[in-house]
Amino acid sequence: MRRHESEIRRLGEYCGNDLVRDKDGTLYVLEDNLRVPSGVSYMIENRVITKSLS
């Protein structure tokens, strides 16, 4: 299955970074997360299937 480029870009909706600052003021990234809300993949697949049937 091939997806449209704009559809692929929209899959990651939320990005969160865990940052800490040391005593000198330097910021460090402890963790970075890219999240997709639960259920979004089902909605996208349903849309793709529905479009292919019409």
PDB file of N, CA and C in Angstrom:
ATOM      1  N   MET A   1       0.847  -1.172   0.000  1.00  0.00           N
ATOM      2  CA  MET A   1       0.000   0.000   0.000  1.00  0.00           C
ATOM      3  C   MET A   1       0.893   1.236   0.000  1.00  0.00           C
ATOM      4  N   ARG A   2       0.584   2.158  -0.848  1.00  0.00           N
ATOM      5  CA  ARG A   2       1.375   3.381  -0.961  1.00  0.00           C
ATOM      6  C   ARG A   2       0.575   4.551  -0.412  1.00  0.00           C
ATOM      7  N   ARG A   3       1.196   5.354   0.413  1.00  0.00           N
ATOM      8  CA  ARG A   3       0.505   6.481   1.021  1.00  0.00           C
ATOM      9  C   ARG A   3       0.963   7.788   0.420  1.00  0.00           C
ATOM     10  N   HIS A   4       0.076   8.727   0.440  1.00  0.00           N
ATOM     11  CA  HIS A   4       0.398  10.067  -0.035  1.00  0.00           C
ATOM     12  C   HIS A   4       1.352  10.712   0.960  1.00  0.00           C
ATOM     13  N   GLU A   5       2.319  11.478   0.456  1.00  0.00           N
ATOM     14  CA  GLU A   5       3.345  12.082   1.297  1.00  0.00           C
ATOM     15  C   GLU A   5       2.754  12.943   2.412  1.00  0.00           C
ATOM     16  N   SER A   6       1.710  13.712   2.126  1.00  0.00           N
ATOM     17  CA  SER A   6       1.120  14.572   3.149  1.00  0.00           C
ATOM     18  C   SER A   6       0.471  13.744   4.248  1.00  0.00           C
ATOM     19  N   GLU A   7      -0.024  12.568   3.924  1.00  0.00           N
ATOM     20  CA  GLU A   7      -0.629  11.703   4.927  1.00  0.00           C
ATOM     21  C   GLU A   7       0.441  11.146   5.862  1.00  0.00           C
ATOM     22  N   ILE A   8       1.584  10.822   5.325  1.00  0.00           N
ATOM     23  CA  ILE A   8       2.683  10.291   6.135  1.00  0.00           C
ATOM     24  C   ILE A   8       3.183  11.348   7.113  1.00  0.00           C
ATOM     25  N   ARG A   9       3.303  12.580   6.667  1.00  0.00           N
ATOM     26  CA  ARG A   9       3.799  13.644   7.540  1.00  0.00           C
ATOM     27  C   ARG A   9       2.891  13.897   8.729  1.00  0.00           C
ATOM     28  N   ARG A  10       1.613  13.601   8.604  1.00  0.00           N
ATOM     29  CA  ARG A  10       0.661  13.888   9.674  1.00  0.00           C
ATOM     30  C   ARG A  10       0.602  12.794  10.733  1.00  0.00           C
ATOM     31  N   LEU A  11       1.293  11.688  10.568  1.00  0.00           N
ATOM     32  CA  LEU A  11       1.174  10.588  11.510  1.00  0.00           C
ATOM     33  C   LEU A  11       1.717  10.939  12.892  1.00  0.00           C
ATOM     34  N   GLY A  12       2.768  11.701  12.970  1.00  0.00           N
ATOM     35  CA  GLY A  12       3.311  12.100  14.261  1.00  0.00           C
ATOM     36  C   GLY A  12       2.695  13.405  14.709  1.00  0.00           C
ATOM     37  N   GLU A  13       1.876  13.353  15.741  1.00  0.00           N
ATOM     38  CA  GLU A  13       1.126  14.536  16.157  1.00  0.00           C
ATOM     39  C   GLU A  13       1.748  15.248  17.355  1.00  0.00           C
ATOM     40  N   TYR A  14       2.340  14.512  18.261  1.00  0.00           N
ATOM     41  CA  TYR A  14       2.832  15.111  19.498  1.00  0.00           C
ATOM     42  C   TYR A  14       4.297  14.761  19.697  1.00  0.00           C
ATOM     43  N   CYS A  15       5.059  15.743  20.068  1.00  0.00           N
ATOM     44  CA  CYS A  15       6.473  15.522  20.339  1.00  0.00           C
ATOM     45  C   CYS A  15       6.770  16.083  21.727  1.00  0.00           C
ATOM     46  N   GLY A  16       7.426  15.296  22.546  1.00  0.00           N
ATOM     47  CA  GLY A  16       7.778  15.756  23.891  1.00  0.00           C
ATOM     48  C   GLY A  16       9.242  15.493  24.156  1.00  0.00           C
ATOM     49  N   ASN A  17       9.883  16.455  24.726  1.00  0.00           N
ATOM     50  CA  ASN A  17      11.292  16.310  25.075  1.00  0.00           C
ATOM     51  C   ASN A  17      11.449  16.456  26.581  1.00  0.00           C
ATOM     52  N   ASP A  18      12.247  15.576  27.170  1.00  0.00           N
ATOM     53  CA  ASP A  18      12.584  15.698  28.585  1.00  0.00           C
ATOM     54  C   ASP A  18      13.934  16.391  28.662  1.00  0.00           C
ATOM     55  N   LEU A  19      13.922  17.606  29.164  1.00  0.00           N
ATOM     56  CA  LEU A  19      15.133  18.413  29.248  1.00  0.00           C
ATOM     57  C   LEU A  19      15.528  18.629  30.705  1.00  0.00           C
ATOM     58  N   VAL A  20      16.830  18.682  30.925  1.00  0.00           N
ATOM     59  CA  VAL A  20      17.344  19.071  32.242  1.00  0.00           C
ATOM     60  C   VAL A  20      18.399  20.146  32.023  1.00  0.00           C
ATOM     61  N   ARG A  21      18.544  20.984  33.028  1.00  0.00           N
ATOM     62  CA  ARG A  21      19.561  22.031  32.974  1.00  0.00           C
ATOM     63  C   ARG A  21      20.538  21.767  34.110  1.00  0.00           C
ATOM     64  N   ASP A  22      21.832  21.737  33.786  1.00  0.00           N
ATOM     65  CA  ASP A  22      22.816  21.516  34.844  1.00  0.00           C
ATOM     66  C   ASP A  22      23.127  22.837  35.559  1.00  0.00           C
ATOM     67  N   LYS A  23      23.995  22.775  36.540  1.00  0.00           N
ATOM     68  CA  LYS A  23      24.274  23.964  37.360  1.00  0.00           C
ATOM     69  C   LYS A  23      24.927  25.091  36.573  1.00  0.00           C
ATOM     70  N   ASP A  24      25.532  24.760  35.420  1.00  0.00           N
ATOM     71  CA  ASP A  24      26.138  25.791  34.560  1.00  0.00           C
ATOM     72  C   ASP A  24      25.133  26.395  33.578  1.00  0.00           C
ATOM     73  N   GLY A  25      23.917  25.853  33.547  1.00  0.00           N
ATOM     74  CA  GLY A  25      22.894  26.378  32.649  1.00  0.00           C
ATOM     75  C   GLY A  25      22.794  25.660  31.315  1.00  0.00           C
ATOM     76  N   THR A  26      23.599  24.627  31.116  1.00  0.00           N
ATOM     77  CA  THR A  26      23.559  23.864  29.869  1.00  0.00           C
ATOM     78  C   THR A  26      22.350  22.931  29.870  1.00  0.00           C
ATOM     79  N   LEU A  27      21.599  22.933  28.767  1.00  0.00           N
ATOM     80  CA  LEU A  27      20.441  22.043  28.639  1.00  0.00           C
ATOM     81  C   LEU A  27      20.869  20.712  28.022  1.00  0.00           C
ATOM     82  N   TYR A  28      20.324  19.628  28.566  1.00  0.00           N
ATOM     83  CA  TYR A  28      20.573  18.290  28.040  1.00  0.00           C
ATOM     84  C   TYR A  28      19.235  17.617  27.761  1.00  0.00           C
ATOM     85  N   VAL A  29      19.192  16.862  26.673  1.00  0.00           N
ATOM     86  CA  VAL A  29      17.995  16.100  26.334  1.00  0.00           C
ATOM     87  C   VAL A  29      18.142  14.713  26.938  1.00  0.00           C
ATOM     88  N   LEU A  30      17.230  14.380  27.853  1.00  0.00           N
ATOM     89  CA  LEU A  30      17.240  13.035  28.441  1.00  0.00           C
ATOM     90  C   LEU A  30      16.512  12.050  27.540  1.00  0.00           C
ATOM     91  N   GLU A  31      15.426  12.527  26.947  1.00  0.00           N
ATOM     92  CA  GLU A  31      14.599  11.647  26.130  1.00  0.00           C
ATOM     93  C   GLU A  31      13.768  12.510  25.189  1.00  0.00           C
ATOM     94  N   ASP A  32      13.555  12.013  23.978  1.00  0.00           N
ATOM     95  CA  ASP A  32      12.619  12.697  23.080  1.00  0.00           C
ATOM     96  C   ASP A  32      11.645  11.653  22.543  1.00  0.00           C
ATOM     97  N   ASN A  33      10.413  12.036  22.497  1.00  0.00           N
ATOM     98  CA  ASN A  33       9.346  11.116  22.107  1.00  0.00           C
ATOM     99  C   ASN A  33       8.485  11.734  21.027  1.00  0.00           C
ATOM    100  N   LEU A  34       8.170  10.926  20.051  1.00  0.00           N
ATOM    101  CA  LEU A  34       7.198  11.312  19.031  1.00  0.00           C
ATOM    102  C   LEU A  34       6.017  10.378  19.209  1.00  0.00           C
ATOM    103  N   ARG A  35       4.881  10.939  19.478  1.00  0.00           N
ATOM    104  CA  ARG A  35       3.702  10.135  19.800  1.00  0.00           C
ATOM    105  C   ARG A  35       2.589  10.341  18.783  1.00  0.00           C
ATOM    106  N   VAL A  36       1.840   9.288  18.598  1.00  0.00           N
ATOM    107  CA  VAL A  36       0.634   9.339  17.788  1.00  0.00           C
ATOM    108  C   VAL A  36      -0.508   8.989  18.737  1.00  0.00           C
ATOM    109  N   PRO A  37      -1.536   9.807  18.780  1.00  0.00           N
ATOM    110  CA  PRO A  37      -2.653   9.505  19.683  1.00  0.00           C
ATOM    111  C   PRO A  37      -3.229   8.120  19.414  1.00  0.00           C
ATOM    112  N   SER A  38      -3.611   7.449  20.455  1.00  0.00           N
ATOM    113  CA  SER A  38      -4.170   6.107  20.345  1.00  0.00           C
ATOM    114  C   SER A  38      -5.387   6.105  19.419  1.00  0.00           C
ATOM    115  N   GLY A  39      -5.413   5.154  18.514  1.00  0.00           N
ATOM    116  CA  GLY A  39      -6.549   5.023  17.609  1.00  0.00           C
ATOM    117  C   GLY A  39      -6.390   5.734  16.281  1.00  0.00           C
ATOM    118  N   VAL A  40      -5.403   6.599  16.158  1.00  0.00           N
ATOM    119  CA  VAL A  40      -5.225   7.341  14.913  1.00  0.00           C
ATOM    120  C   VAL A  40      -4.904   6.399  13.753  1.00  0.00           C
ATOM    121  N   SER A  41      -4.112   5.381  14.014  1.00  0.00           N
ATOM    122  CA  SER A  41      -3.753   4.459  12.929  1.00  0.00           C
ATOM    123  C   SER A  41      -4.986   3.749  12.371  1.00  0.00           C
ATOM    124  N   TYR A  42      -5.946   3.418  13.242  1.00  0.00           N
ATOM    125  CA  TYR A  42      -7.185   2.786  12.763  1.00  0.00           C
ATOM    126  C   TYR A  42      -7.980   3.746  11.890  1.00  0.00           C
ATOM    127  N   MET A  43      -8.050   5.000  12.305  1.00  0.00           N
ATOM    128  CA  MET A  43      -8.784   6.004  11.534  1.00  0.00           C
ATOM    129  C   MET A  43      -8.148   6.190  10.157  1.00  0.00           C
ATOM    130  N   ILE A  44      -6.832   6.245  10.109  1.00  0.00           N
ATOM    131  CA  ILE A  44      -6.139   6.437   8.829  1.00  0.00           C
ATOM    132  C   ILE A  44      -6.359   5.229   7.922  1.00  0.00           C
ATOM    133  N   GLU A  45      -6.248   4.028   8.466  1.00  0.00           N
ATOM    134  CA  GLU A  45      -6.467   2.828   7.657  1.00  0.00           C
ATOM    135  C   GLU A  45      -7.902   2.770   7.142  1.00  0.00           C
ATOM    136  N   ASN A  46      -8.854   3.108   7.990  1.00  0.00           N
ATOM    137  CA  ASN A  46     -10.258   3.126   7.544  1.00  0.00           C
ATOM    138  C   ASN A  46     -10.460   4.128   6.421  1.00  0.00           C
ATOM    139  N   ARG A  47      -9.831   5.289   6.511  1.00  0.00           N
ATOM    140  CA  ARG A  47      -9.950   6.302   5.463  1.00  0.00           C
ATOM    141  C   ARG A  47      -9.359   5.783   4.152  1.00  0.00           C
ATOM    142  N   VAL A  48      -8.182   5.160   4.241  1.00  0.00           N
ATOM    143  CA  VAL A  48      -7.525   4.633   3.042  1.00  0.00           C
ATOM    144  C   VAL A  48      -8.393   3.559   2.379  1.00  0.00           C
ATOM    145  N   ILE A  49      -8.936   2.655   3.190  1.00  0.00           N
ATOM    146  CA  ILE A  49      -9.777   1.586   2.650  1.00  0.00           C
ATOM    147  C   ILE A  49     -11.048   2.152   2.029  1.00  0.00           C
ATOM    148  N   THR A  50     -11.681   3.096   2.731  1.00  0.00           N
ATOM    149  CA  THR A  50     -12.907   3.708   2.218  1.00  0.00           C
ATOM    150  C   THR A  50     -12.664   4.428   0.900  1.00  0.00           C
ATOM    151  N   LYS A  51     -11.546   5.139   0.797  1.00  0.00           N
ATOM    152  CA  LYS A  51     -11.221   5.842  -0.454  1.00  0.00           C
ATOM    153  C   LYS A  51     -10.999   4.852  -1.587  1.00  0.00           C
ATOM    154  N   SER A  52     -10.399   3.718  -1.288  1.00  0.00           N
ATOM    155  CA  SER A  52     -10.113   2.746  -2.344  1.00  0.00           C
ATOM    156  C   SER A  52     -11.393   2.066  -2.854  1.00  0.00           C
ATOM    157  N   LEU A  53     -12.452   2.060  -2.041  1.00  0.00           N
ATOM    158  CA  LEU A  53     -13.704   1.437  -2.460  1.00  0.00           C
ATOM    159  C   LEU A  53     -14.561   2.353  -3.316  1.00  0.00           C
ATOM    160  N   SER A  54     -14.324   3.673  -3.220  1.00  0.00           N
ATOM    161  CA  SER A  54     -15.177   4.596  -3.985  1.00  0.00           C
ATOM    162  C   SER A  54     -14.664   4.839  -5.369  1.00  0.00           C
TER     163      SER A  54
END
